[in-house]
């Protein structure tokens, strides 16, 4: 838009200069180039990302995650990252407690970030750190009582958000969407593709 306004101004100035000299006003070449670039070439090269799978999937995930974070903070006083940590620890209950290093890898956070997160969550009574048998340097993470209730509440928030996100889709469409996404997940997990 800025280029278009500049082209119009240049054209006006040159046209006024040409008519003051008594000559015929000519359309300046620079103004024509700017107009062609703006209205023709830029429109041809403009990319429609709304039709690209990765872009749409990433945007849906970003919006879903942001909304979950807002609701979780309002209702539970926990961030999305904290809920994800609780969920990952809960998924490993009954096994050897998951370590901070394993949490960092699975949550795709830095080890320092997980340590800081665990420090705050342990101080608030959500988790407890335990030394592992055979290697006291490795800290396993266990959920404390209130964490189980908070995780149940977070699942309810997730259910309500899922209903809102999938509003307008019938039961068959919802099932098909989840089945297709599971197949995409399996493809990417298996490392197929480039």
C-alpha atoms as a PDB file:
ATOM      1  CA  UNK A   1       0.000   0.000   0.000  1.00  0.00           C
ATOM      2  CA  UNK A   2       2.843   2.353   0.881  1.00  0.00           C
ATOM      3  CA  UNK A   3       4.452   1.739  -2.516  1.00  0.00           C
ATOM      4  CA  UNK A   4       1.165   2.426  -4.271  1.00  0.00           C
ATOM      5  CA  UNK A   5       0.758   5.799  -2.493  1.00  0.00           C
ATOM      6  CA  UNK A   6       4.366   6.669  -3.379  1.00  0.00           C
ATOM      7  CA  UNK A   7       3.734   5.772  -7.033  1.00  0.00           C
ATOM      8  CA  UNK A   8       0.645   7.981  -7.149  1.00  0.00           C
ATOM      9  CA  UNK A   9       2.531  10.911  -5.615  1.00  0.00           C
ATOM     10  CA  UNK A  10       5.420  10.527  -8.077  1.00  0.00           C
ATOM     11  CA  UNK A  11       2.973  10.336 -10.962  1.00  0.00           C
ATOM     12  CA  UNK A  12       1.111  13.447  -9.803  1.00  0.00           C
ATOM     13  CA  UNK A  13       4.302  15.458  -9.402  1.00  0.00           C
ATOM     14  CA  UNK A  14       5.586  14.489 -12.813  1.00  0.00           C
ATOM     15  CA  UNK A  15       2.220  15.114 -14.447  1.00  0.00           C
ATOM     16  CA  UNK A  16       2.018  18.572 -12.826  1.00  0.00           C
ATOM     17  CA  UNK A  17       5.566  19.360 -13.933  1.00  0.00           C
ATOM     18  CA  UNK A  18       4.741  18.298 -17.490  1.00  0.00           C
ATOM     19  CA  UNK A  19       1.564  20.411 -17.674  1.00  0.00           C
ATOM     20  CA  UNK A  20       3.352  23.478 -16.210  1.00  0.00           C
ATOM     21  CA  UNK A  21       5.827  23.300 -19.063  1.00  0.00           C
ATOM     22  CA  UNK A  22       2.968  23.238 -21.493  1.00  0.00           C
ATOM     23  CA  UNK A  23       3.672  19.696 -22.531  1.00  0.00           C
ATOM     24  CA  UNK A  24       1.581  16.628 -22.285  1.00  0.00           C
ATOM     25  CA  UNK A  25       1.688  14.891 -18.898  1.00  0.00           C
ATOM     26  CA  UNK A  26       3.414  11.537 -19.159  1.00  0.00           C
ATOM     27  CA  UNK A  27       2.967   8.683 -16.726  1.00  0.00           C
ATOM     28  CA  UNK A  28       6.365   8.093 -15.143  1.00  0.00           C
ATOM     29  CA  UNK A  29       7.989   4.703 -15.689  1.00  0.00           C
ATOM     30  CA  UNK A  30       8.862   4.377 -11.974  1.00  0.00           C
ATOM     31  CA  UNK A  31       5.226   4.822 -10.998  1.00  0.00           C
ATOM     32  CA  UNK A  32       4.128   2.192 -13.502  1.00  0.00           C
ATOM     33  CA  UNK A  33       6.713  -0.284 -12.208  1.00  0.00           C
ATOM     34  CA  UNK A  34       5.603   0.225  -8.615  1.00  0.00           C
ATOM     35  CA  UNK A  35       1.951  -0.253  -9.550  1.00  0.00           C
ATOM     36  CA  UNK A  36       2.712  -3.403 -11.570  1.00  0.00           C
ATOM     37  CA  UNK A  37       4.798  -4.833  -8.729  1.00  0.00           C
ATOM     38  CA  UNK A  38       2.136  -4.102  -6.153  1.00  0.00           C
ATOM     39  CA  UNK A  39      -0.989  -5.173  -7.994  1.00  0.00           C
ATOM     40  CA  UNK A  40       0.253  -7.945 -10.260  1.00  0.00           C
ATOM     41  CA  UNK A  41       3.534  -9.501  -9.195  1.00  0.00           C
ATOM     42  CA  UNK A  42       2.968  -9.359  -5.416  1.00  0.00           C
ATOM     43  CA  UNK A  43      -0.476 -10.901  -5.793  1.00  0.00           C
ATOM     44  CA  UNK A  44       0.954 -13.740  -7.902  1.00  0.00           C
ATOM     45  CA  UNK A  45       3.735 -14.518  -5.396  1.00  0.00           C
ATOM     46  CA  UNK A  46       1.620 -14.131  -2.268  1.00  0.00           C
ATOM     47  CA  UNK A  47       1.354 -17.516  -0.617  1.00  0.00           C
ATOM     48  CA  UNK A  48      -1.882 -18.909   0.745  1.00  0.00           C
ATOM     49  CA  UNK A  49      -0.677 -20.737   3.852  1.00  0.00           C
ATOM     50  CA  UNK A  50      -4.224 -21.648   4.867  1.00  0.00           C
ATOM     51  CA  UNK A  51      -4.007 -24.641   2.506  1.00  0.00           C
ATOM     52  CA  UNK A  52      -0.745 -25.990   3.939  1.00  0.00           C
ATOM     53  CA  UNK A  53      -1.127 -28.880   6.386  1.00  0.00           C
ATOM     54  CA  UNK A  54       1.809 -27.990   8.630  1.00  0.00           C
ATOM     55  CA  UNK A  55       0.797 -24.352   8.908  1.00  0.00           C
ATOM     56  CA  UNK A  56      -2.841 -25.114   9.756  1.00  0.00           C
ATOM     57  CA  UNK A  57      -1.911 -27.855  12.235  1.00  0.00           C
ATOM     58  CA  UNK A  58       0.606 -25.597  13.943  1.00  0.00           C
ATOM     59  CA  UNK A  59      -1.896 -22.718  14.147  1.00  0.00           C
ATOM     60  CA  UNK A  60      -4.586 -24.985  15.615  1.00  0.00           C
ATOM     61  CA  UNK A  61      -2.107 -26.274  18.192  1.00  0.00           C
ATOM     62  CA  UNK A  62      -0.975 -22.755  19.069  1.00  0.00           C
ATOM     63  CA  UNK A  63      -4.525 -21.466  19.540  1.00  0.00           C
ATOM     64  CA  UNK A  64      -5.628 -24.568  21.435  1.00  0.00           C
ATOM     65  CA  UNK A  65      -2.599 -24.393  23.723  1.00  0.00           C
ATOM     66  CA  UNK A  66      -3.026 -20.682  24.379  1.00  0.00           C
ATOM     67  CA  UNK A  67      -6.694 -21.107  25.281  1.00  0.00           C
ATOM     68  CA  UNK A  68      -5.926 -24.103  27.518  1.00  0.00           C
ATOM     69  CA  UNK A  69      -3.234 -22.074  29.277  1.00  0.00           C
ATOM     70  CA  UNK A  70      -5.702 -19.225  29.942  1.00  0.00           C
ATOM     71  CA  UNK A  71      -8.378 -21.553  31.311  1.00  0.00           C
ATOM     72  CA  UNK A  72      -5.929 -23.591  33.387  1.00  0.00           C
ATOM     73  CA  UNK A  73      -4.409 -20.486  34.957  1.00  0.00           C
ATOM     74  CA  UNK A  74      -7.871 -19.096  35.759  1.00  0.00           C
ATOM     75  CA  UNK A  75      -9.344 -22.288  37.152  1.00  0.00           C
ATOM     76  CA  UNK A  76      -6.349 -24.150  38.608  1.00  0.00           C
ATOM     77  CA  UNK A  77      -3.593 -21.607  39.041  1.00  0.00           C
ATOM     78  CA  UNK A  78      -1.378 -23.823  36.854  1.00  0.00           C
ATOM     79  CA  UNK A  79       0.206 -22.990  33.516  1.00  0.00           C
ATOM     80  CA  UNK A  80      -0.034 -25.260  30.517  1.00  0.00           C
ATOM     81  CA  UNK A  81       3.630 -26.245  31.027  1.00  0.00           C
ATOM     82  CA  UNK A  82       2.896 -27.240  34.624  1.00  0.00           C
ATOM     83  CA  UNK A  83      -0.114 -29.314  33.588  1.00  0.00           C
ATOM     84  CA  UNK A  84       1.932 -31.016  30.858  1.00  0.00           C
ATOM     85  CA  UNK A  85       4.579 -31.885  33.447  1.00  0.00           C
ATOM     86  CA  UNK A  86       1.938 -33.341  35.790  1.00  0.00           C
ATOM     87  CA  UNK A  87       0.459 -35.333  32.921  1.00  0.00           C
ATOM     88  CA  UNK A  88       3.818 -36.757  31.872  1.00  0.00           C
ATOM     89  CA  UNK A  89       4.647 -37.755  35.452  1.00  0.00           C
ATOM     90  CA  UNK A  90       1.186 -39.338  35.850  1.00  0.00           C
ATOM     91  CA  UNK A  91       1.679 -41.323  32.637  1.00  0.00           C
ATOM     92  CA  UNK A  92       4.702 -43.005  34.255  1.00  0.00           C
ATOM     93  CA  UNK A  93       3.134 -43.808  37.617  1.00  0.00           C
ATOM     94  CA  UNK A  94       3.536 -47.431  38.604  1.00  0.00           C
ATOM     95  CA  UNK A  95       6.910 -47.494  36.848  1.00  0.00           C
ATOM     96  CA  UNK A  96      10.239 -46.140  37.948  1.00  0.00           C
ATOM     97  CA  UNK A  97       9.628 -42.393  38.538  1.00  0.00           C
ATOM     98  CA  UNK A  98      10.500 -40.325  35.467  1.00  0.00           C
ATOM     99  CA  UNK A  99      13.651 -38.235  35.845  1.00  0.00           C
ATOM    100  CA  UNK A 100      14.001 -34.521  35.217  1.00  0.00           C
ATOM    101  CA  UNK A 101      16.241 -35.256  32.225  1.00  0.00           C
ATOM    102  CA  UNK A 102      13.581 -37.558  30.735  1.00  0.00           C
ATOM    103  CA  UNK A 103      10.931 -34.909  31.385  1.00  0.00           C
ATOM    104  CA  UNK A 104      13.028 -32.303  29.599  1.00  0.00           C
ATOM    105  CA  UNK A 105      13.370 -34.562  26.563  1.00  0.00           C
ATOM    106  CA  UNK A 106       9.690 -35.560  26.415  1.00  0.00           C
ATOM    107  CA  UNK A 107       8.334 -32.060  27.062  1.00  0.00           C
ATOM    108  CA  UNK A 108      10.889 -30.553  24.662  1.00  0.00           C
ATOM    109  CA  UNK A 109      12.151 -28.161  27.312  1.00  0.00           C
ATOM    110  CA  UNK A 110      15.690 -27.449  28.424  1.00  0.00           C
ATOM    111  CA  UNK A 111      16.967 -29.342  31.479  1.00  0.00           C
ATOM    112  CA  UNK A 112      17.373 -25.990  33.229  1.00  0.00           C
ATOM    113  CA  UNK A 113      13.771 -25.074  32.380  1.00  0.00           C
ATOM    114  CA  UNK A 114      12.472 -28.352  33.819  1.00  0.00           C
ATOM    115  CA  UNK A 115      14.588 -27.902  36.954  1.00  0.00           C
ATOM    116  CA  UNK A 116      13.126 -24.438  37.485  1.00  0.00           C
ATOM    117  CA  UNK A 117       9.599 -25.722  36.827  1.00  0.00           C
ATOM    118  CA  UNK A 118      10.121 -28.609  39.263  1.00  0.00           C
ATOM    119  CA  UNK A 119      11.526 -26.238  41.904  1.00  0.00           C
ATOM    120  CA  UNK A 120       8.348 -24.134  41.805  1.00  0.00           C
ATOM    121  CA  UNK A 121       6.019 -27.126  41.667  1.00  0.00           C
ATOM    122  CA  UNK A 122       7.770 -28.909  44.531  1.00  0.00           C
ATOM    123  CA  UNK A 123       7.632 -25.754  46.671  1.00  0.00           C
ATOM    124  CA  UNK A 124       3.872 -25.527  45.947  1.00  0.00           C
ATOM    125  CA  UNK A 125       3.340 -29.173  46.952  1.00  0.00           C
ATOM    126  CA  UNK A 126       2.430 -30.569  43.512  1.00  0.00           C
ATOM    127  CA  UNK A 127       5.380 -32.931  43.123  1.00  0.00           C
ATOM    128  CA  UNK A 128       8.156 -34.571  45.125  1.00  0.00           C
ATOM    129  CA  UNK A 129      11.683 -35.371  43.946  1.00  0.00           C
ATOM    130  CA  UNK A 130      13.309 -38.645  44.905  1.00  0.00           C
ATOM    131  CA  UNK A 131      16.846 -39.875  44.471  1.00  0.00           C
ATOM    132  CA  UNK A 132      17.041 -43.016  42.345  1.00  0.00           C
ATOM    133  CA  UNK A 133      18.474 -46.219  43.681  1.00  0.00           C
ATOM    134  CA  UNK A 134      21.988 -46.713  42.399  1.00  0.00           C
ATOM    135  CA  UNK A 135      22.413 -43.065  41.351  1.00  0.00           C
ATOM    136  CA  UNK A 136      21.372 -40.369  43.823  1.00  0.00           C
ATOM    137  CA  UNK A 137      22.284 -37.639  41.312  1.00  0.00           C
ATOM    138  CA  UNK A 138      19.276 -38.602  39.176  1.00  0.00           C
ATOM    139  CA  UNK A 139      16.057 -37.202  40.588  1.00  0.00           C
ATOM    140  CA  UNK A 140      12.833 -39.043  39.894  1.00  0.00           C
ATOM    141  CA  UNK A 141       9.545 -37.107  40.086  1.00  0.00           C
ATOM    142  CA  UNK A 142       6.383 -38.266  41.891  1.00  0.00           C
ATOM    143  CA  UNK A 143       2.998 -36.576  42.087  1.00  0.00           C
ATOM    144  CA  UNK A 144       1.691 -35.417  45.446  1.00  0.00           C
ATOM    145  CA  UNK A 145      -2.005 -35.776  46.437  1.00  0.00           C
ATOM    146  CA  UNK A 146      -3.269 -32.380  45.178  1.00  0.00           C
ATOM    147  CA  UNK A 147      -1.663 -32.982  41.778  1.00  0.00           C
ATOM    148  CA  UNK A 148      -4.034 -35.868  41.033  1.00  0.00           C
ATOM    149  CA  UNK A 149      -7.073 -33.648  41.647  1.00  0.00           C
ATOM    150  CA  UNK A 150      -5.563 -30.836  39.583  1.00  0.00           C
ATOM    151  CA  UNK A 151      -4.841 -33.252  36.738  1.00  0.00           C
ATOM    152  CA  UNK A 152      -8.461 -34.477  36.778  1.00  0.00           C
ATOM    153  CA  UNK A 153      -9.642 -30.849  36.657  1.00  0.00           C
ATOM    154  CA  UNK A 154      -7.214 -30.146  33.794  1.00  0.00           C
ATOM    155  CA  UNK A 155      -8.667 -33.089  31.869  1.00  0.00           C
ATOM    156  CA  UNK A 156     -12.145 -31.600  32.332  1.00  0.00           C
ATOM    157  CA  UNK A 157     -10.854 -28.261  31.002  1.00  0.00           C
ATOM    158  CA  UNK A 158      -9.386 -30.135  28.035  1.00  0.00           C
ATOM    159  CA  UNK A 159     -12.700 -31.912  27.407  1.00  0.00           C
ATOM    160  CA  UNK A 160     -14.627 -28.623  27.424  1.00  0.00           C
ATOM    161  CA  UNK A 161     -12.049 -26.992  25.136  1.00  0.00           C
ATOM    162  CA  UNK A 162     -12.180 -29.970  22.780  1.00  0.00           C
ATOM    163  CA  UNK A 163     -15.963 -29.657  22.568  1.00  0.00           C
ATOM    164  CA  UNK A 164     -15.653 -25.979  21.725  1.00  0.00           C
ATOM    165  CA  UNK A 165     -12.901 -26.604  19.156  1.00  0.00           C
ATOM    166  CA  UNK A 166     -14.859 -29.363  17.426  1.00  0.00           C
ATOM    167  CA  UNK A 167     -18.221 -27.588  17.542  1.00  0.00           C
ATOM    168  CA  UNK A 168     -20.122 -28.055  14.313  1.00  0.00           C
ATOM    169  CA  UNK A 169     -18.511 -31.410  13.551  1.00  0.00           C
ATOM    170  CA  UNK A 170     -20.690 -34.497  13.773  1.00  0.00           C
ATOM    171  CA  UNK A 171     -19.644 -37.625  15.678  1.00  0.00           C
ATOM    172  CA  UNK A 172     -18.486 -39.348  12.479  1.00  0.00           C
ATOM    173  CA  UNK A 173     -16.424 -36.296  11.438  1.00  0.00           C
ATOM    174  CA  UNK A 174     -14.811 -36.109  14.878  1.00  0.00           C
ATOM    175  CA  UNK A 175     -13.898 -39.800  14.751  1.00  0.00           C
ATOM    176  CA  UNK A 176     -12.535 -39.454  11.233  1.00  0.00           C
ATOM    177  CA  UNK A 177     -10.491 -36.374  12.162  1.00  0.00           C
ATOM    178  CA  UNK A 178      -8.911 -38.147  15.145  1.00  0.00           C
ATOM    179  CA  UNK A 179      -8.260 -41.300  13.095  1.00  0.00           C
ATOM    180  CA  UNK A 180      -6.560 -39.290  10.354  1.00  0.00           C
ATOM    181  CA  UNK A 181      -4.448 -37.346  12.841  1.00  0.00           C
ATOM    182  CA  UNK A 182      -3.399 -40.630  14.497  1.00  0.00           C
ATOM    183  CA  UNK A 183      -2.245 -41.891  11.084  1.00  0.00           C
ATOM    184  CA  UNK A 184      -0.268 -38.690  10.497  1.00  0.00           C
ATOM    185  CA  UNK A 185       1.223 -39.088  13.981  1.00  0.00           C
ATOM    186  CA  UNK A 186       2.192 -42.688  13.212  1.00  0.00           C
ATOM    187  CA  UNK A 187       3.788 -41.622   9.912  1.00  0.00           C
ATOM    188  CA  UNK A 188       5.863 -38.941  11.592  1.00  0.00           C
ATOM    189  CA  UNK A 189       6.760 -41.179  14.550  1.00  0.00           C
ATOM    190  CA  UNK A 190       7.988 -43.872  12.154  1.00  0.00           C
ATOM    191  CA  UNK A 191      10.140 -41.292  10.407  1.00  0.00           C
ATOM    192  CA  UNK A 192       8.546 -41.740   6.999  1.00  0.00           C
ATOM    193  CA  UNK A 193       9.016 -38.976   4.487  1.00  0.00           C
ATOM    194  CA  UNK A 194      11.950 -36.674   3.787  1.00  0.00           C
END
